[in-house]
Amino acid sequence: MYKNDMVWKTVQHYLPRQYRLDDATMPEEHFLTLSDGNRIHLDVYSPQGAKATIILKS
């Protein structure tokens, strides 16, 4: 999805180089369908050497 999103590509240019995403650091995209039919779009970004993990639960 990010590779084909022109807005995202434009935003990358304004980010500091160390925070730009490339093929090696692109988040994994997942979609979760809830029992009521709503869908949640999850971006999973797992940088190597991360000092913490954040888990969100509703």
Protein backbone atom coordinates (compact mmCIF):
# COMPACT_ATOMS: atom_id res chain seq x y z
CA MET A 1 0.00 0.00 0.00
CA TYR A 2 2.76 2.51 0.87
CA LYS A 3 4.66 1.79 -2.31
CA ASN A 4 1.64 2.85 -4.38
CA ASP A 5 0.54 5.83 -2.26
CA MET A 6 1.68 9.10 -3.87
CA VAL A 7 0.85 11.18 -0.78
CA TRP A 8 3.05 8.96 1.36
CA LYS A 9 5.88 9.23 -1.15
CA THR A 10 5.60 13.03 -1.06
CA VAL A 11 5.67 13.13 2.76
CA GLN A 12 8.84 11.02 2.84
CA HIS A 13 10.76 13.85 1.20
CA TYR A 14 10.07 16.12 4.20
CA LEU A 15 11.10 13.63 6.87
CA PRO A 16 14.64 13.52 8.23
CA ARG A 17 16.60 10.89 6.32
CA GLN A 18 16.86 8.55 9.33
CA TYR A 19 13.03 8.44 9.61
CA ARG A 20 12.22 7.79 5.97
CA LEU A 21 10.90 4.38 5.03
CA ASP A 22 12.45 2.27 2.33
CA ASP A 23 12.05 -1.35 1.22
CA ALA A 24 14.04 -2.54 4.24
CA THR A 25 12.09 -0.54 6.85
CA MET A 26 8.57 -0.56 5.40
CA PRO A 27 5.91 -1.54 7.97
CA GLU A 28 3.90 -4.70 7.47
CA GLU A 29 0.25 -3.94 6.79
CA HIS A 30 -2.46 -6.09 8.31
CA PHE A 31 -6.23 -5.79 8.27
CA LEU A 32 -8.36 -7.07 11.13
CA THR A 33 -12.10 -7.59 10.66
CA LEU A 34 -14.08 -7.26 13.87
CA SER A 35 -17.20 -9.28 14.70
CA ASP A 36 -19.40 -6.26 13.89
CA GLY A 37 -17.92 -6.05 10.37
CA ASN A 38 -15.67 -3.04 10.97
CA ARG A 39 -12.12 -3.34 9.70
CA ILE A 40 -9.00 -2.05 11.39
CA HIS A 41 -5.88 -1.26 9.38
CA LEU A 42 -2.73 -2.08 11.36
CA ASP A 43 0.76 -0.96 10.45
CA VAL A 44 3.33 -3.14 12.17
CA TYR A 45 6.72 -1.47 12.30
CA SER A 46 9.38 -3.65 13.91
CA PRO A 47 12.76 -1.95 13.73
CA GLN A 48 15.70 -4.13 14.69
CA GLY A 49 17.12 -3.27 18.09
CA ALA A 50 13.91 -1.61 19.33
CA LYS A 51 14.04 -0.81 23.02
CA ALA A 52 10.31 -1.29 23.59
CA THR A 53 7.20 -2.96 22.25
CA ILE A 54 3.80 -1.27 22.25
CA ILE A 55 0.65 -3.35 22.24
CA LEU A 56 -2.72 -1.65 21.77
CA LYS A 57 -5.86 -3.40 22.86
CA SER A 58 -9.43 -2.23 22.67
